C-alpha atoms as a PDB file:
ATOM      1  CA  UNK A   1      91.679 116.683  87.131  1.00  0.00           C
ATOM      2  CA  UNK A   2      94.026 117.433  89.498  1.00  0.00           C
ATOM      3  CA  UNK A   3      91.284 118.664  92.220  1.00  0.00           C
ATOM      4  CA  UNK A   4      89.780 115.187  91.988  1.00  0.00           C
ATOM      5  CA  UNK A   5      93.689 113.654  92.563  1.00  0.00           C
ATOM      6  CA  UNK A   6      94.483 115.694  95.321  1.00  0.00           C
ATOM      7  CA  UNK A   7      90.451 114.752  96.374  1.00  0.00           C
ATOM      8  CA  UNK A   8      90.371 111.297  96.005  1.00  0.00           C
ATOM      9  CA  UNK A   9      93.860 110.248  97.953  1.00  0.00           C
ATOM     10  CA  UNK A  10      93.520 112.393 100.900  1.00  0.00           C
ATOM     11  CA  UNK A  11      89.602 111.574 101.509  1.00  0.00           C
ATOM     12  CA  UNK A  12      91.126 107.595 101.498  1.00  0.00           C
ATOM     13  CA  UNK A  13      94.268 108.681 103.370  1.00  0.00           C
ATOM     14  CA  UNK A  14      92.093 109.814 105.848  1.00  0.00           C
ATOM     15  CA  UNK A  15      90.118 107.089 106.559  1.00  0.00           C
ATOM     16  CA  UNK A  16      93.213 104.792 106.801  1.00  0.00           C
ATOM     17  CA  UNK A  17      95.270 106.981 108.776  1.00  0.00           C
ATOM     18  CA  UNK A  18      91.906 107.739 110.978  1.00  0.00           C
ATOM     19  CA  UNK A  19      91.620 103.602 111.329  1.00  0.00           C
ATOM     20  CA  UNK A  20      95.297 103.610 112.795  1.00  0.00           C
ATOM     21  CA  UNK A  21      94.454 106.681 115.262  1.00  0.00           C
ATOM     22  CA  UNK A  22      91.605 104.670 116.638  1.00  0.00           C
ATOM     23  CA  UNK A  23      93.721 101.206 116.724  1.00  0.00           C
ATOM     24  CA  UNK A  24      95.922 102.878 118.772  1.00  0.00           C
ATOM     25  CA  UNK A  25      93.249 104.254 121.199  1.00  0.00           C
ATOM     26  CA  UNK A  26      91.529 101.004 121.373  1.00  0.00           C
ATOM     27  CA  UNK A  27      94.361  99.164 122.431  1.00  0.00           C
ATOM     28  CA  UNK A  28      95.303 101.982 124.918  1.00  0.00           C
ATOM     29  CA  UNK A  29      91.644 101.386 126.220  1.00  0.00           C
ATOM     30  CA  UNK A  30      90.668 104.878 125.568  1.00  0.00           C
ATOM     31  CA  UNK A  31      86.896 105.456 125.936  1.00  0.00           C
ATOM     32  CA  UNK A  32      84.925 106.611 122.425  1.00  0.00           C
ATOM     33  CA  UNK A  33      85.658 110.455 122.611  1.00  0.00           C
ATOM     34  CA  UNK A  34      89.443 109.567 122.824  1.00  0.00           C
ATOM     35  CA  UNK A  35      89.353 107.260 120.443  1.00  0.00           C
ATOM     36  CA  UNK A  36      87.670 109.553 118.105  1.00  0.00           C
ATOM     37  CA  UNK A  37      90.276 112.488 118.763  1.00  0.00           C
ATOM     38  CA  UNK A  38      93.340 109.836 118.191  1.00  0.00           C
ATOM     39  CA  UNK A  39      91.242 108.968 114.623  1.00  0.00           C
ATOM     40  CA  UNK A  40      91.274 112.753 114.086  1.00  0.00           C
ATOM     41  CA  UNK A  41      94.899 113.440 115.158  1.00  0.00           C
ATOM     42  CA  UNK A  42      95.668 111.212 113.219  1.00  0.00           C
ATOM     43  CA  UNK A  43      93.605 111.744 110.069  1.00  0.00           C
ATOM     44  CA  UNK A  44      94.215 115.357 109.912  1.00  0.00           C
ATOM     45  CA  UNK A  45      97.180 117.192 111.755  1.00  0.00           C
ATOM     46  CA  UNK A  46      99.327 116.244 108.778  1.00  0.00           C
ATOM     47  CA  UNK A  47      97.305 118.364 106.461  1.00  0.00           C
ATOM     48  CA  UNK A  48      96.643 120.746 108.315  1.00  0.00           C
ATOM     49  CA  UNK A  49      99.649 121.833 109.337  1.00  0.00           C
ATOM     50  CA  UNK A  50     100.554 121.820 105.177  1.00  0.00           C
ATOM     51  CA  UNK A  51      97.747 123.883 104.497  1.00  0.00           C
ATOM     52  CA  UNK A  52      98.334 126.409 107.448  1.00  0.00           C
ATOM     53  CA  UNK A  53     102.416 126.759 105.726  1.00  0.00           C
ATOM     54  CA  UNK A  54     101.137 126.958 102.172  1.00  0.00           C
ATOM     55  CA  UNK A  55      98.559 129.487 102.552  1.00  0.00           C
ATOM     56  CA  UNK A  56      95.675 127.180 101.757  1.00  0.00           C
ATOM     57  CA  UNK A  57      93.063 128.665 103.965  1.00  0.00           C
ATOM     58  CA  UNK A  58      90.852 127.273 105.884  1.00  0.00           C
ATOM     59  CA  UNK A  59      92.463 124.228 105.813  1.00  0.00           C
ATOM     60  CA  UNK A  60      90.590 121.108 104.418  1.00  0.00           C
ATOM     61  CA  UNK A  61      90.446 119.416 107.492  1.00  0.00           C
ATOM     62  CA  UNK A  62      87.754 122.308 108.674  1.00  0.00           C
ATOM     63  CA  UNK A  63      86.758 123.837 105.481  1.00  0.00           C
ATOM     64  CA  UNK A  64      84.919 120.229 104.173  1.00  0.00           C
ATOM     65  CA  UNK A  65      82.999 118.175 106.690  1.00  0.00           C
ATOM     66  CA  UNK A  66      83.689 115.155 103.953  1.00  0.00           C
ATOM     67  CA  UNK A  67      86.915 115.145 105.995  1.00  0.00           C
ATOM     68  CA  UNK A  68      85.630 115.524 109.739  1.00  0.00           C
ATOM     69  CA  UNK A  69      83.028 112.890 108.787  1.00  0.00           C
ATOM     70  CA  UNK A  70      85.165 110.440 107.275  1.00  0.00           C
ATOM     71  CA  UNK A  71      87.735 110.225 110.211  1.00  0.00           C
ATOM     72  CA  UNK A  72      84.810 109.997 112.670  1.00  0.00           C
ATOM     73  CA  UNK A  73      83.520 106.946 110.649  1.00  0.00           C
ATOM     74  CA  UNK A  74      86.805 105.433 110.514  1.00  0.00           C
ATOM     75  CA  UNK A  75      86.978 105.901 114.629  1.00  0.00           C
ATOM     76  CA  UNK A  76      83.244 104.337 114.990  1.00  0.00           C
ATOM     77  CA  UNK A  77      84.079 101.515 112.772  1.00  0.00           C
ATOM     78  CA  UNK A  78      87.480 100.348 114.675  1.00  0.00           C
ATOM     79  CA  UNK A  79      85.979 101.675 118.157  1.00  0.00           C
ATOM     80  CA  UNK A  80      83.008  98.701 117.662  1.00  0.00           C
ATOM     81  CA  UNK A  81      84.713  96.497 115.068  1.00  0.00           C
ATOM     82  CA  UNK A  82      87.940  95.895 116.089  1.00  0.00           C
ATOM     83  CA  UNK A  83      88.513  92.228 116.112  1.00  0.00           C
ATOM     84  CA  UNK A  84      87.819  92.471 112.513  1.00  0.00           C
ATOM     85  CA  UNK A  85      90.901  94.757 112.266  1.00  0.00           C
ATOM     86  CA  UNK A  86      92.620  93.434 114.532  1.00  0.00           C
ATOM     87  CA  UNK A  87      93.264  89.720 112.543  1.00  0.00           C
ATOM     88  CA  UNK A  88      95.294  91.888 110.038  1.00  0.00           C
ATOM     89  CA  UNK A  89      99.088  91.573 111.141  1.00  0.00           C
ATOM     90  CA  UNK A  90     100.258  94.709 112.498  1.00  0.00           C
ATOM     91  CA  UNK A  91      97.230  96.598 111.453  1.00  0.00           C
ATOM     92  CA  UNK A  92      98.376  99.957 113.071  1.00  0.00           C
ATOM     93  CA  UNK A  93     101.487  99.276 111.363  1.00  0.00           C
ATOM     94  CA  UNK A  94     100.381  98.576 107.926  1.00  0.00           C
ATOM     95  CA  UNK A  95      97.047 101.510 108.252  1.00  0.00           C
ATOM     96  CA  UNK A  96      99.396 103.855 108.914  1.00  0.00           C
ATOM     97  CA  UNK A  97     101.740 102.798 106.012  1.00  0.00           C
ATOM     98  CA  UNK A  98      99.012 103.536 103.609  1.00  0.00           C
ATOM     99  CA  UNK A  99      98.391 106.887 105.187  1.00  0.00           C
ATOM    100  CA  UNK A 100     101.762 107.583 104.692  1.00  0.00           C
ATOM    101  CA  UNK A 101     101.723 107.112 101.107  1.00  0.00           C
ATOM    102  CA  UNK A 102      98.597 108.455 100.231  1.00  0.00           C
ATOM    103  CA  UNK A 103      99.040 111.264 102.038  1.00  0.00           C
ATOM    104  CA  UNK A 104     102.897 112.404 101.021  1.00  0.00           C
ATOM    105  CA  UNK A 105     102.236 112.186  96.857  1.00  0.00           C
ATOM    106  CA  UNK A 106      98.694 113.963  98.070  1.00  0.00           C
ATOM    107  CA  UNK A 107     101.130 117.120  99.724  1.00  0.00           C
ATOM    108  CA  UNK A 108     103.459 116.895  97.268  1.00  0.00           C
ATOM    109  CA  UNK A 109     101.028 117.976  94.483  1.00  0.00           C
ATOM    110  CA  UNK A 110      99.303 120.185  96.314  1.00  0.00           C
ATOM    111  CA  UNK A 111     102.323 122.527  97.688  1.00  0.00           C
ATOM    112  CA  UNK A 112     103.420 122.091  93.739  1.00  0.00           C
ATOM    113  CA  UNK A 113      99.716 123.656  93.217  1.00  0.00           C
ATOM    114  CA  UNK A 114     100.345 126.363  95.426  1.00  0.00           C
ATOM    115  CA  UNK A 115     103.029 127.334  93.744  1.00  0.00           C
ATOM    116  CA  UNK A 116     105.931 125.686  95.878  1.00  0.00           C
ATOM    117  CA  UNK A 117     109.188 125.357  94.575  1.00  0.00           C
ATOM    118  CA  UNK A 118     110.219 121.041  94.260  1.00  0.00           C
ATOM    119  CA  UNK A 119     112.217 121.097  97.545  1.00  0.00           C
ATOM    120  CA  UNK A 120     109.569 122.779  99.549  1.00  0.00           C
ATOM    121  CA  UNK A 121     107.263 120.486  97.967  1.00  0.00           C
ATOM    122  CA  UNK A 122     109.042 117.372  98.751  1.00  0.00           C
ATOM    123  CA  UNK A 123     109.204 118.556 102.769  1.00  0.00           C
ATOM    124  CA  UNK A 124     105.720 119.449 102.654  1.00  0.00           C
ATOM    125  CA  UNK A 125     104.729 115.876 101.459  1.00  0.00           C
ATOM    126  CA  UNK A 126     106.218 114.322 104.026  1.00  0.00           C
ATOM    127  CA  UNK A 127     104.991 116.558 106.605  1.00  0.00           C
ATOM    128  CA  UNK A 128     101.946 115.865 105.394  1.00  0.00           C
ATOM    129  CA  UNK A 129     102.404 112.004 105.922  1.00  0.00           C
ATOM    130  CA  UNK A 130     104.102 112.238 109.332  1.00  0.00           C
ATOM    131  CA  UNK A 131     102.539 115.342 110.770  1.00  0.00           C
ATOM    132  CA  UNK A 132      99.046 113.434 112.175  1.00  0.00           C
ATOM    133  CA  UNK A 133     101.437 109.982 113.629  1.00  0.00           C
ATOM    134  CA  UNK A 134     103.727 112.158 114.944  1.00  0.00           C
ATOM    135  CA  UNK A 135     100.497 114.030 117.003  1.00  0.00           C
ATOM    136  CA  UNK A 136      98.807 110.861 117.272  1.00  0.00           C
ATOM    137  CA  UNK A 137     101.513 109.369 119.022  1.00  0.00           C
ATOM    138  CA  UNK A 138     102.504 111.861 121.476  1.00  0.00           C
ATOM    139  CA  UNK A 139      98.998 112.457 122.588  1.00  0.00           C
ATOM    140  CA  UNK A 140      99.565 108.862 124.166  1.00  0.00           C
ATOM    141  CA  UNK A 141     102.821 109.692 125.631  1.00  0.00           C
ATOM    142  CA  UNK A 142     104.968 107.224 122.946  1.00  0.00           C
ATOM    143  CA  UNK A 143     107.854 108.271 121.067  1.00  0.00           C
ATOM    144  CA  UNK A 144     106.446 109.007 117.846  1.00  0.00           C
ATOM    145  CA  UNK A 145     107.080 106.367 115.006  1.00  0.00           C
ATOM    146  CA  UNK A 146     109.220 109.019 112.795  1.00  0.00           C
ATOM    147  CA  UNK A 147     112.021 109.586 115.426  1.00  0.00           C
ATOM    148  CA  UNK A 148     112.653 105.758 115.688  1.00  0.00           C
ATOM    149  CA  UNK A 149     114.785 103.858 114.024  1.00  0.00           C
ATOM    150  CA  UNK A 150     112.643 102.900 111.643  1.00  0.00           C
ATOM    151  CA  UNK A 151     112.080 103.784 108.009  1.00  0.00           C
ATOM    152  CA  UNK A 152     109.385 106.245 108.065  1.00  0.00           C
ATOM    153  CA  UNK A 153     110.304 109.738 107.483  1.00  0.00           C
ATOM    154  CA  UNK A 154     112.314 108.503 105.087  1.00  0.00           C
ATOM    155  CA  UNK A 155     109.971 106.573 102.967  1.00  0.00           C
ATOM    156  CA  UNK A 156     107.552 109.491 102.916  1.00  0.00           C
ATOM    157  CA  UNK A 157     110.240 111.550 101.514  1.00  0.00           C
ATOM    158  CA  UNK A 158     111.280 108.893  98.815  1.00  0.00           C
ATOM    159  CA  UNK A 159     107.481 108.314  97.574  1.00  0.00           C
ATOM    160  CA  UNK A 160     107.238 112.774  97.553  1.00  0.00           C
ATOM    161  CA  UNK A 161     110.558 113.222  95.889  1.00  0.00           C
ATOM    162  CA  UNK A 162     109.365 110.771  92.829  1.00  0.00           C
ATOM    163  CA  UNK A 163     106.061 112.977  92.098  1.00  0.00           C
ATOM    164  CA  UNK A 164     108.012 115.710  92.304  1.00  0.00           C
ATOM    165  CA  UNK A 165     110.934 114.731  90.134  1.00  0.00           C
ATOM    166  CA  UNK A 166     108.432 113.593  87.542  1.00  0.00           C
ATOM    167  CA  UNK A 167     106.056 116.622  87.471  1.00  0.00           C
ATOM    168  CA  UNK A 168     109.578 118.422  86.586  1.00  0.00           C
ATOM    169  CA  UNK A 169     109.991 116.131  83.707  1.00  0.00           C
ATOM    170  CA  UNK A 170     106.690 117.030  82.538  1.00  0.00           C
ATOM    171  CA  UNK A 171     104.797 113.430  83.627  1.00  0.00           C
ATOM    172  CA  UNK A 172     101.342 112.995  83.611  1.00  0.00           C
ATOM    173  CA  UNK A 173      99.785 113.185  87.559  1.00  0.00           C
ATOM    174  CA  UNK A 174      97.976 110.073  88.107  1.00  0.00           C
ATOM    175  CA  UNK A 175     100.361 107.479  87.106  1.00  0.00           C
ATOM    176  CA  UNK A 176     103.177 109.886  89.354  1.00  0.00           C
ATOM    177  CA  UNK A 177     100.913 109.488  92.227  1.00  0.00           C
ATOM    178  CA  UNK A 178     100.391 105.950  92.016  1.00  0.00           C
ATOM    179  CA  UNK A 179     104.322 105.536  91.540  1.00  0.00           C
ATOM    180  CA  UNK A 180     105.067 108.098  94.674  1.00  0.00           C
ATOM    181  CA  UNK A 181     102.824 106.292  96.527  1.00  0.00           C
ATOM    182  CA  UNK A 182     103.663 102.806  95.651  1.00  0.00           C
ATOM    183  CA  UNK A 183     107.523 103.646  96.467  1.00  0.00           C
ATOM    184  CA  UNK A 184     106.327 105.080  99.747  1.00  0.00           C
ATOM    185  CA  UNK A 185     104.285 102.510 100.958  1.00  0.00           C
ATOM    186  CA  UNK A 186     106.666  99.481  99.590  1.00  0.00           C
ATOM    187  CA  UNK A 187     109.685 101.330 101.620  1.00  0.00           C
ATOM    188  CA  UNK A 188     107.570 101.145 104.936  1.00  0.00           C
ATOM    189  CA  UNK A 189     106.086  97.800 104.759  1.00  0.00           C
ATOM    190  CA  UNK A 190     109.341  96.495 103.683  1.00  0.00           C
ATOM    191  CA  UNK A 191     110.527  98.133 107.400  1.00  0.00           C
ATOM    192  CA  UNK A 192     107.886  96.766 108.957  1.00  0.00           C
ATOM    193  CA  UNK A 193     108.010  92.981 107.928  1.00  0.00           C
ATOM    194  CA  UNK A 194     111.878  92.995 107.720  1.00  0.00           C
ATOM    195  CA  UNK A 195     113.039  95.839 110.268  1.00  0.00           C
ATOM    196  CA  UNK A 196     115.093  98.086 107.520  1.00  0.00           C
ATOM    197  CA  UNK A 197     116.390 101.002 109.978  1.00  0.00           C
ATOM    198  CA  UNK A 198     118.484 103.395 109.756  1.00  0.00           C
ATOM    199  CA  UNK A 199     121.505 104.025 112.016  1.00  0.00           C
ATOM    200  CA  UNK A 200     120.694 104.069 115.753  1.00  0.00           C
ATOM    201  CA  UNK A 201     122.613 106.735 118.396  1.00  0.00           C
ATOM    202  CA  UNK A 202     124.728 104.570 120.757  1.00  0.00           C
ATOM    203  CA  UNK A 203     125.046 106.260 123.855  1.00  0.00           C
ATOM    204  CA  UNK A 204     127.523 104.738 126.602  1.00  0.00           C
ATOM    205  CA  UNK A 205     126.668 105.979 129.971  1.00  0.00           C
ATOM    206  CA  UNK A 206     129.378 105.277 131.527  1.00  0.00           C
ATOM    207  CA  UNK A 207     131.938 107.643 129.029  1.00  0.00           C
END
């Protein structure tokens, strides 16, 4: 049961994160290969880094062909049908928020299953959520979204922390994953829609 709870959100998160990466590539007018590279990077790098840290080797992104297939399928669909996705308001950010929500809970639960403590599992959940987005943004020479003022890593931390706390209390996995993903998505979506931000450093060059 637990393996399926990890597998399904991992694949769904892979697909939506891949769309966010591919959509960014289309907006930057990259060729098909470039779009596929961005889709795979956005979808897989967070989980890849997590698996290497917790000792789940070879990483799922390489051990299971479905991850590559799903990310490439999302990239091809986006490349040829980007106009359909573009009709959604802020499509890259919305799909990114969905991937963030799914990955943060899947990463936290997998880390717990590999014997990590609660704090480390929360951090691994956050890393699973933000890692792909960081690599995606760096590849197109953007400041990673996690380093800006928007609620991003905080949303992933909150979702992962809710799941880990619930596991500590002995609550069932499926409702916890739904609640953790829902909390993460809510915080991220509200940040997109209403500009929820962390304090920003103010630097005065004259001083």
